N, C-alpha and C. Protein backbone atom coordinates (compact mmCIF):
# COMPACT_ATOMS: atom_id res chain seq x y z
N MET A 1 -5.71 -6.52 -21.66
CA MET A 1 -4.36 -6.04 -21.47
C MET A 1 -3.46 -7.24 -21.19
N HIS A 2 -2.72 -7.69 -22.19
CA HIS A 2 -1.83 -8.84 -22.00
C HIS A 2 -0.59 -8.47 -21.18
N GLU A 3 -0.37 -7.18 -20.97
CA GLU A 3 0.77 -6.76 -20.16
C GLU A 3 0.65 -7.27 -18.72
N MET A 4 -0.57 -7.45 -18.23
CA MET A 4 -0.75 -7.96 -16.87
C MET A 4 -0.20 -9.39 -16.76
N SER A 5 -0.50 -10.24 -17.71
CA SER A 5 0.02 -11.61 -17.66
C SER A 5 1.53 -11.61 -17.89
N LEU A 6 2.03 -10.71 -18.73
CA LEU A 6 3.48 -10.60 -18.92
C LEU A 6 4.15 -10.15 -17.62
N ALA A 7 3.55 -9.19 -16.94
CA ALA A 7 4.11 -8.71 -15.67
C ALA A 7 4.10 -9.80 -14.62
N GLU A 8 3.06 -10.61 -14.60
CA GLU A 8 3.02 -11.74 -13.65
C GLU A 8 4.14 -12.73 -13.94
N SER A 9 4.38 -12.98 -15.20
CA SER A 9 5.48 -13.89 -15.57
C SER A 9 6.83 -13.30 -15.17
N VAL A 10 7.01 -12.02 -15.37
CA VAL A 10 8.26 -11.36 -14.96
C VAL A 10 8.42 -11.46 -13.45
N ARG A 11 7.35 -11.20 -12.71
CA ARG A 11 7.43 -11.30 -11.24
C ARG A 11 7.81 -12.71 -10.80
N GLU A 12 7.26 -13.72 -11.45
CA GLU A 12 7.60 -15.10 -11.10
C GLU A 12 9.08 -15.38 -11.37
N ILE A 13 9.57 -14.93 -12.51
CA ILE A 13 10.99 -15.11 -12.84
C ILE A 13 11.85 -14.42 -11.80
N VAL A 14 11.50 -13.20 -11.46
CA VAL A 14 12.26 -12.42 -10.49
C VAL A 14 12.22 -13.06 -9.11
N ASP A 15 11.04 -13.44 -8.65
CA ASP A 15 10.91 -14.08 -7.34
C ASP A 15 11.68 -15.40 -7.28
N ASP A 16 11.54 -16.23 -8.30
CA ASP A 16 12.25 -17.52 -8.32
C ASP A 16 13.76 -17.32 -8.29
N THR A 17 14.24 -16.37 -9.07
CA THR A 17 15.68 -16.09 -9.12
C THR A 17 16.17 -15.54 -7.79
N ALA A 18 15.41 -14.64 -7.21
CA ALA A 18 15.79 -14.04 -5.92
C ALA A 18 15.82 -15.10 -4.82
N ARG A 19 14.81 -15.95 -4.78
CA ARG A 19 14.77 -17.01 -3.76
C ARG A 19 15.94 -17.97 -3.93
N ALA A 20 16.23 -18.34 -5.17
CA ALA A 20 17.33 -19.26 -5.44
C ALA A 20 18.67 -18.66 -5.03
N SER A 21 18.75 -17.35 -5.01
CA SER A 21 19.99 -16.66 -4.63
C SER A 21 20.02 -16.31 -3.15
N GLY A 22 18.96 -16.65 -2.43
CA GLY A 22 18.89 -16.36 -1.00
C GLY A 22 18.63 -14.90 -0.67
N ALA A 23 18.01 -14.18 -1.58
CA ALA A 23 17.77 -12.75 -1.39
C ALA A 23 16.64 -12.51 -0.39
N ARG A 24 16.75 -11.39 0.30
CA ARG A 24 15.68 -10.96 1.20
C ARG A 24 14.66 -10.11 0.47
N ARG A 25 15.17 -9.35 -0.54
CA ARG A 25 14.27 -8.53 -1.34
C ARG A 25 14.95 -8.15 -2.65
N VAL A 26 14.13 -7.72 -3.59
CA VAL A 26 14.62 -7.28 -4.89
C VAL A 26 14.60 -5.76 -4.90
N LEU A 27 15.74 -5.17 -5.27
CA LEU A 27 15.85 -3.71 -5.31
C LEU A 27 15.45 -3.13 -6.66
N SER A 28 15.82 -3.81 -7.73
CA SER A 28 15.45 -3.32 -9.06
C SER A 28 15.36 -4.47 -10.06
N VAL A 29 14.58 -4.23 -11.09
CA VAL A 29 14.41 -5.17 -12.19
C VAL A 29 14.62 -4.37 -13.47
N ARG A 30 15.43 -4.91 -14.36
CA ARG A 30 15.66 -4.25 -15.64
C ARG A 30 15.15 -5.14 -16.76
N LEU A 31 14.20 -4.59 -17.52
CA LEU A 31 13.59 -5.30 -18.65
C LEU A 31 14.03 -4.68 -19.96
N GLU A 32 14.18 -5.53 -20.96
CA GLU A 32 14.39 -5.07 -22.32
C GLU A 32 13.09 -5.32 -23.08
N ILE A 33 12.57 -4.27 -23.70
CA ILE A 33 11.34 -4.41 -24.48
C ILE A 33 11.60 -3.86 -25.87
N GLY A 34 11.47 -4.71 -26.85
CA GLY A 34 11.68 -4.31 -28.23
C GLY A 34 10.47 -3.56 -28.77
N GLN A 35 10.73 -2.63 -29.66
CA GLN A 35 9.67 -1.83 -30.26
C GLN A 35 8.67 -2.68 -31.04
N LEU A 36 9.10 -3.86 -31.49
CA LEU A 36 8.22 -4.74 -32.25
C LEU A 36 7.64 -5.86 -31.40
N ALA A 37 7.84 -5.80 -30.09
CA ALA A 37 7.40 -6.88 -29.19
C ALA A 37 5.90 -6.82 -28.87
N GLN A 38 5.23 -5.80 -29.32
CA GLN A 38 3.81 -5.62 -29.07
C GLN A 38 3.50 -5.53 -27.59
N VAL A 39 4.37 -4.82 -26.87
CA VAL A 39 4.18 -4.57 -25.44
C VAL A 39 4.13 -3.06 -25.24
N GLU A 40 3.05 -2.57 -24.66
CA GLU A 40 2.90 -1.16 -24.36
C GLU A 40 3.68 -0.87 -23.08
N VAL A 41 4.71 -0.03 -23.17
CA VAL A 41 5.63 0.21 -22.06
C VAL A 41 4.90 0.79 -20.84
N ASP A 42 4.05 1.78 -21.03
CA ASP A 42 3.34 2.37 -19.89
C ASP A 42 2.40 1.36 -19.22
N ALA A 43 1.74 0.54 -20.02
CA ALA A 43 0.87 -0.50 -19.47
C ALA A 43 1.69 -1.53 -18.70
N MET A 44 2.88 -1.83 -19.19
CA MET A 44 3.76 -2.77 -18.50
C MET A 44 4.20 -2.21 -17.16
N ARG A 45 4.54 -0.93 -17.12
CA ARG A 45 4.91 -0.29 -15.84
C ARG A 45 3.76 -0.40 -14.83
N PHE A 46 2.56 -0.07 -15.28
CA PHE A 46 1.39 -0.14 -14.40
C PHE A 46 1.15 -1.57 -13.92
N ALA A 47 1.18 -2.50 -14.83
CA ALA A 47 0.93 -3.91 -14.48
C ALA A 47 1.97 -4.42 -13.49
N PHE A 48 3.23 -4.04 -13.68
CA PHE A 48 4.27 -4.49 -12.76
C PHE A 48 4.05 -3.91 -11.37
N GLU A 49 3.63 -2.65 -11.29
CA GLU A 49 3.32 -2.05 -9.99
C GLU A 49 2.25 -2.85 -9.25
N VAL A 50 1.28 -3.35 -9.99
CA VAL A 50 0.19 -4.12 -9.38
C VAL A 50 0.68 -5.49 -8.92
N VAL A 51 1.39 -6.22 -9.78
CA VAL A 51 1.75 -7.61 -9.46
C VAL A 51 2.93 -7.73 -8.51
N GLN A 52 3.71 -6.68 -8.34
CA GLN A 52 4.87 -6.78 -7.45
C GLN A 52 4.47 -6.72 -5.98
N ARG A 53 3.27 -6.26 -5.68
CA ARG A 53 2.83 -6.15 -4.29
C ARG A 53 2.82 -7.51 -3.60
N GLY A 54 3.41 -7.56 -2.41
CA GLY A 54 3.44 -8.79 -1.64
C GLY A 54 4.49 -9.79 -2.07
N SER A 55 5.32 -9.42 -3.04
CA SER A 55 6.37 -10.32 -3.50
C SER A 55 7.73 -9.83 -2.99
N LEU A 56 8.78 -10.55 -3.30
CA LEU A 56 10.12 -10.10 -2.94
C LEU A 56 10.47 -8.80 -3.67
N ALA A 57 9.76 -8.52 -4.74
CA ALA A 57 9.99 -7.31 -5.52
C ALA A 57 9.01 -6.20 -5.15
N ASP A 58 8.44 -6.29 -3.95
CA ASP A 58 7.39 -5.36 -3.53
C ASP A 58 7.75 -3.89 -3.72
N THR A 59 8.97 -3.52 -3.42
CA THR A 59 9.38 -2.12 -3.55
C THR A 59 10.43 -1.91 -4.64
N ALA A 60 10.58 -2.89 -5.50
CA ALA A 60 11.62 -2.82 -6.54
C ALA A 60 11.32 -1.74 -7.58
N ARG A 61 12.38 -1.14 -8.05
CA ARG A 61 12.31 -0.16 -9.14
C ARG A 61 12.32 -0.94 -10.46
N LEU A 62 11.48 -0.53 -11.38
CA LEU A 62 11.45 -1.16 -12.70
C LEU A 62 12.12 -0.23 -13.71
N ASP A 63 13.19 -0.71 -14.31
CA ASP A 63 13.87 0.03 -15.37
C ASP A 63 13.60 -0.68 -16.68
N ILE A 64 13.21 0.06 -17.69
CA ILE A 64 12.91 -0.52 -18.99
C ILE A 64 13.85 0.05 -20.03
N VAL A 65 14.51 -0.85 -20.73
CA VAL A 65 15.39 -0.48 -21.84
C VAL A 65 14.60 -0.77 -23.12
N GLU A 66 14.32 0.28 -23.87
CA GLU A 66 13.59 0.10 -25.12
C GLU A 66 14.57 -0.11 -26.26
N VAL A 67 14.29 -1.12 -27.08
CA VAL A 67 15.17 -1.50 -28.18
C VAL A 67 14.47 -1.23 -29.51
N ASP A 68 15.20 -0.62 -30.44
CA ASP A 68 14.65 -0.34 -31.77
C ASP A 68 14.30 -1.63 -32.50
N GLY A 69 13.32 -1.54 -33.36
CA GLY A 69 13.00 -2.64 -34.26
C GLY A 69 13.95 -2.59 -35.44
N THR A 70 14.52 -3.73 -35.77
CA THR A 70 15.45 -3.79 -36.90
C THR A 70 15.03 -4.91 -37.85
N ALA A 71 15.40 -4.71 -39.10
CA ALA A 71 15.07 -5.71 -40.13
C ALA A 71 16.14 -5.68 -41.21
N TRP A 72 16.15 -6.76 -41.99
CA TRP A 72 17.03 -6.88 -43.15
C TRP A 72 16.13 -6.79 -44.38
N CYS A 73 16.44 -5.83 -45.24
CA CYS A 73 15.65 -5.67 -46.47
C CYS A 73 16.23 -6.61 -47.53
N MET A 74 15.38 -7.49 -48.01
CA MET A 74 15.82 -8.45 -49.02
C MET A 74 15.97 -7.81 -50.40
N SER A 75 15.34 -6.68 -50.60
CA SER A 75 15.43 -6.01 -51.91
C SER A 75 16.70 -5.18 -52.05
N CYS A 76 17.00 -4.37 -51.02
CA CYS A 76 18.18 -3.51 -51.15
C CYS A 76 19.37 -4.01 -50.32
N SER A 77 19.20 -5.16 -49.67
CA SER A 77 20.28 -5.80 -48.90
C SER A 77 20.90 -4.88 -47.86
N GLN A 78 20.02 -4.20 -47.13
CA GLN A 78 20.49 -3.27 -46.09
C GLN A 78 19.79 -3.56 -44.77
N PRO A 79 20.50 -3.38 -43.65
CA PRO A 79 19.82 -3.42 -42.36
C PRO A 79 19.10 -2.09 -42.16
N VAL A 80 17.87 -2.15 -41.67
CA VAL A 80 17.08 -0.92 -41.51
C VAL A 80 16.36 -0.91 -40.16
N LEU A 81 16.00 0.29 -39.71
CA LEU A 81 15.18 0.46 -38.52
C LEU A 81 13.72 0.54 -38.96
N ILE A 82 12.85 -0.17 -38.23
CA ILE A 82 11.42 -0.08 -38.50
C ILE A 82 10.69 0.12 -37.17
N THR A 83 9.54 0.76 -37.24
CA THR A 83 8.79 1.02 -36.02
C THR A 83 7.60 0.08 -35.83
N ARG A 84 7.16 -0.55 -36.94
CA ARG A 84 6.03 -1.49 -36.88
C ARG A 84 6.23 -2.58 -37.90
N ARG A 85 5.72 -3.75 -37.57
CA ARG A 85 5.70 -4.84 -38.56
C ARG A 85 4.80 -4.39 -39.71
N GLY A 86 5.19 -4.73 -40.90
CA GLY A 86 4.40 -4.35 -42.07
C GLY A 86 4.81 -3.03 -42.68
N ASP A 87 5.64 -2.26 -41.98
CA ASP A 87 6.16 -1.02 -42.55
C ASP A 87 7.07 -1.35 -43.74
N PRO A 88 7.13 -0.46 -44.72
CA PRO A 88 8.05 -0.69 -45.83
C PRO A 88 9.48 -0.32 -45.45
N CYS A 89 10.41 -0.77 -46.24
CA CYS A 89 11.81 -0.41 -46.06
C CYS A 89 11.93 1.12 -46.19
N PRO A 90 12.54 1.78 -45.22
CA PRO A 90 12.67 3.24 -45.32
C PRO A 90 13.64 3.68 -46.42
N GLN A 91 14.40 2.75 -46.97
CA GLN A 91 15.36 3.13 -48.01
C GLN A 91 14.83 2.89 -49.43
N CYS A 92 14.17 1.74 -49.64
CA CYS A 92 13.74 1.43 -51.01
C CYS A 92 12.23 1.24 -51.15
N GLY A 93 11.50 1.19 -50.03
CA GLY A 93 10.04 1.05 -50.08
C GLY A 93 9.54 -0.38 -50.19
N SER A 94 10.43 -1.34 -50.24
CA SER A 94 10.04 -2.74 -50.35
C SER A 94 9.39 -3.22 -49.04
N HIS A 95 8.51 -4.20 -49.18
CA HIS A 95 7.90 -4.82 -48.00
C HIS A 95 8.52 -6.19 -47.71
N GLN A 96 9.59 -6.51 -48.40
CA GLN A 96 10.28 -7.79 -48.19
C GLN A 96 11.33 -7.62 -47.09
N LEU A 97 10.85 -7.55 -45.85
CA LEU A 97 11.73 -7.34 -44.71
C LEU A 97 11.72 -8.56 -43.80
N GLN A 98 12.89 -8.91 -43.30
CA GLN A 98 13.05 -9.98 -42.32
C GLN A 98 13.43 -9.31 -41.00
N VAL A 99 12.56 -9.42 -40.00
CA VAL A 99 12.83 -8.82 -38.69
C VAL A 99 14.07 -9.47 -38.10
N THR A 100 15.00 -8.65 -37.62
CA THR A 100 16.25 -9.15 -37.03
C THR A 100 16.43 -8.76 -35.57
N GLY A 101 15.59 -7.87 -35.06
CA GLY A 101 15.74 -7.48 -33.66
C GLY A 101 14.62 -6.59 -33.19
N GLY A 102 14.54 -6.44 -31.87
CA GLY A 102 13.52 -5.58 -31.28
C GLY A 102 12.15 -6.20 -31.25
N ASP A 103 12.09 -7.55 -31.30
CA ASP A 103 10.80 -8.23 -31.35
C ASP A 103 10.54 -9.08 -30.12
N ARG A 104 11.26 -8.81 -29.03
CA ARG A 104 11.02 -9.61 -27.83
C ARG A 104 11.15 -8.77 -26.56
N MET A 105 10.75 -9.39 -25.47
CA MET A 105 10.88 -8.80 -24.15
C MET A 105 11.62 -9.80 -23.28
N ARG A 106 12.55 -9.32 -22.46
CA ARG A 106 13.26 -10.23 -21.57
C ARG A 106 13.76 -9.51 -20.33
N VAL A 107 13.94 -10.27 -19.27
CA VAL A 107 14.52 -9.74 -18.05
C VAL A 107 16.03 -9.70 -18.26
N LEU A 108 16.60 -8.52 -18.19
CA LEU A 108 18.05 -8.36 -18.38
C LEU A 108 18.78 -8.70 -17.09
N ASP A 109 18.34 -8.11 -15.99
CA ASP A 109 18.96 -8.42 -14.70
C ASP A 109 18.09 -7.93 -13.56
N ILE A 110 18.42 -8.45 -12.39
CA ILE A 110 17.74 -7.98 -11.17
C ILE A 110 18.83 -7.66 -10.14
N GLU A 111 18.53 -6.67 -9.31
CA GLU A 111 19.42 -6.31 -8.22
C GLU A 111 18.75 -6.78 -6.92
N ILE A 112 19.48 -7.56 -6.14
CA ILE A 112 18.90 -8.14 -4.92
C ILE A 112 19.69 -7.71 -3.70
N GLU A 113 19.08 -7.92 -2.58
CA GLU A 113 19.73 -7.63 -1.29
C GLU A 113 19.57 -8.83 -0.39
């Protein structure tokens, strides 16, 4: 489960940012996870619950914003939504797609006290 190492990295980012801001604790963390980022959202929630213990984010709420996967079809010159890499263009059936979004995970913001 690579979500555990991702959650540890998120916790480090959150803790470092909170400490640099002089925070006593983190109230919430908001993550953006793209549909093509190869991150299982439920596994990420579980992993974050585990790694947040004993940190400044010990009781923080985790909010996840899921982002659609998007691509540019080189055959029909249209932006399209896709759910998995390797899927064909939903408009013309071509596999010549350039992913344009929804392929990453990032910390959007944290709420501190």
